[in-house]
Amino acid sequence: MIDIKNVSKRIDDRYILKNINLHVDKGSIFGIIGENGAGKTAIL
């Protein structure tokens, strides 16, 4: 299980992630998509 609550990441004056919440149940398959620099790797 993955449970992320209120995660934020900022680089200089730009928020890459702002108050992100994510819940993935055990055994689930999911994907994260987005533009380059959107924060996909940072959230994991």
N, C-alpha and C. Protein backbone atom coordinates (compact mmCIF):
# COMPACT_ATOMS: atom_id res chain seq x y z
N MET A 1 0.84 -1.18 0.00
CA MET A 1 0.00 0.00 0.00
C MET A 1 0.89 1.24 0.00
N ILE A 2 0.47 2.23 -0.74
CA ILE A 2 1.13 3.53 -0.75
C ILE A 2 0.12 4.55 -0.24
N ASP A 3 0.53 5.34 0.73
CA ASP A 3 -0.34 6.38 1.28
C ASP A 3 0.47 7.65 1.45
N ILE A 4 0.17 8.66 0.66
CA ILE A 4 0.88 9.94 0.69
C ILE A 4 -0.13 11.02 1.06
N LYS A 5 0.24 11.86 2.03
CA LYS A 5 -0.69 12.89 2.48
C LYS A 5 0.00 14.25 2.53
N ASN A 6 -0.59 15.23 1.87
CA ASN A 6 -0.17 16.63 1.91
C ASN A 6 1.32 16.83 1.62
N VAL A 7 1.82 16.23 0.55
CA VAL A 7 3.21 16.37 0.16
C VAL A 7 3.37 17.58 -0.76
N SER A 8 4.37 18.41 -0.46
CA SER A 8 4.68 19.56 -1.30
C SER A 8 6.18 19.57 -1.59
N LYS A 9 6.53 20.04 -2.78
CA LYS A 9 7.94 20.23 -3.14
C LYS A 9 8.03 21.48 -3.98
N ARG A 10 8.99 22.32 -3.60
CA ARG A 10 9.16 23.59 -4.29
C ARG A 10 10.62 23.72 -4.72
N ILE A 11 10.83 24.18 -5.93
CA ILE A 11 12.15 24.50 -6.43
C ILE A 11 12.15 25.99 -6.75
N ASP A 12 13.00 26.72 -6.04
CA ASP A 12 13.00 28.19 -6.11
C ASP A 12 11.61 28.71 -5.79
N ASP A 13 10.99 29.45 -6.68
CA ASP A 13 9.65 30.01 -6.42
C ASP A 13 8.54 29.19 -7.07
N ARG A 14 8.87 28.02 -7.64
CA ARG A 14 7.89 27.23 -8.38
C ARG A 14 7.55 25.94 -7.61
N TYR A 15 6.26 25.73 -7.36
CA TYR A 15 5.83 24.47 -6.75
C TYR A 15 5.81 23.38 -7.80
N ILE A 16 6.53 22.31 -7.55
CA ILE A 16 6.50 21.14 -8.40
C ILE A 16 5.33 20.26 -7.97
N LEU A 17 5.18 20.11 -6.66
CA LEU A 17 4.04 19.41 -6.06
C LEU A 17 3.47 20.31 -4.97
N LYS A 18 2.16 20.37 -4.85
CA LYS A 18 1.55 21.20 -3.81
C LYS A 18 0.36 20.46 -3.21
N ASN A 19 0.52 20.07 -1.96
CA ASN A 19 -0.53 19.38 -1.19
C ASN A 19 -1.09 18.15 -1.93
N ILE A 20 -0.20 17.25 -2.33
CA ILE A 20 -0.58 16.05 -3.06
C ILE A 20 -1.01 14.95 -2.09
N ASN A 21 -2.12 14.32 -2.37
CA ASN A 21 -2.61 13.16 -1.63
C ASN A 21 -2.76 12.00 -2.60
N LEU A 22 -2.30 10.81 -2.18
CA LEU A 22 -2.37 9.64 -3.04
C LEU A 22 -2.53 8.41 -2.17
N HIS A 23 -3.48 7.56 -2.52
CA HIS A 23 -3.67 6.29 -1.83
C HIS A 23 -3.80 5.20 -2.89
N VAL A 24 -2.93 4.20 -2.81
CA VAL A 24 -2.96 3.07 -3.74
C VAL A 24 -3.04 1.80 -2.91
N ASP A 25 -4.08 1.02 -3.13
CA ASP A 25 -4.26 -0.22 -2.38
C ASP A 25 -3.25 -1.28 -2.79
N LYS A 26 -2.92 -2.15 -1.87
CA LYS A 26 -2.02 -3.27 -2.12
C LYS A 26 -2.57 -4.12 -3.28
N GLY A 27 -1.69 -4.47 -4.21
CA GLY A 27 -2.09 -5.28 -5.36
C GLY A 27 -2.61 -4.49 -6.54
N SER A 28 -2.75 -3.18 -6.39
CA SER A 28 -3.24 -2.33 -7.48
C SER A 28 -2.12 -2.02 -8.46
N ILE A 29 -2.51 -1.74 -9.68
CA ILE A 29 -1.58 -1.30 -10.71
C ILE A 29 -1.97 0.12 -11.08
N PHE A 30 -0.99 1.03 -11.08
CA PHE A 30 -1.29 2.42 -11.42
C PHE A 30 -0.14 3.02 -12.19
N GLY A 31 -0.39 4.13 -12.82
CA GLY A 31 0.64 4.84 -13.55
C GLY A 31 0.52 6.32 -13.26
N ILE A 32 1.64 7.00 -13.36
CA ILE A 32 1.66 8.45 -13.19
C ILE A 32 2.16 9.04 -14.51
N ILE A 33 1.36 9.91 -15.10
CA ILE A 33 1.74 10.52 -16.37
C ILE A 33 1.77 12.04 -16.21
N GLY A 34 2.56 12.68 -17.03
CA GLY A 34 2.62 14.13 -17.00
C GLY A 34 3.82 14.63 -17.78
N GLU A 35 3.90 15.92 -17.93
CA GLU A 35 4.99 16.55 -18.66
C GLU A 35 6.30 16.40 -17.90
N ASN A 36 7.41 16.60 -18.62
CA ASN A 36 8.71 16.63 -17.97
C ASN A 36 8.73 17.74 -16.93
N GLY A 37 9.26 17.43 -15.76
CA GLY A 37 9.33 18.43 -14.69
C GLY A 37 8.06 18.59 -13.90
N ALA A 38 7.08 17.72 -14.13
CA ALA A 38 5.80 17.83 -13.44
C ALA A 38 5.83 17.29 -12.02
N GLY A 39 6.89 16.54 -11.65
CA GLY A 39 7.01 16.03 -10.29
C GLY A 39 6.70 14.54 -10.15
N LYS A 40 6.66 13.82 -11.23
CA LYS A 40 6.34 12.37 -11.19
C LYS A 40 7.36 11.61 -10.34
N THR A 41 8.63 11.84 -10.58
CA THR A 41 9.66 11.14 -9.82
C THR A 41 9.71 11.65 -8.39
N ALA A 42 9.52 12.92 -8.18
CA ALA A 42 9.57 13.49 -6.84
C ALA A 42 8.51 12.89 -5.93
N ILE A 43 7.35 12.58 -6.46
CA ILE A 43 6.28 12.03 -5.62
C ILE A 43 6.57 10.60 -5.17
N LEU A 44 7.34 9.88 -5.98
CA LEU A 44 7.71 8.52 -5.59
C LEU A 44 8.97 8.51 -4.76
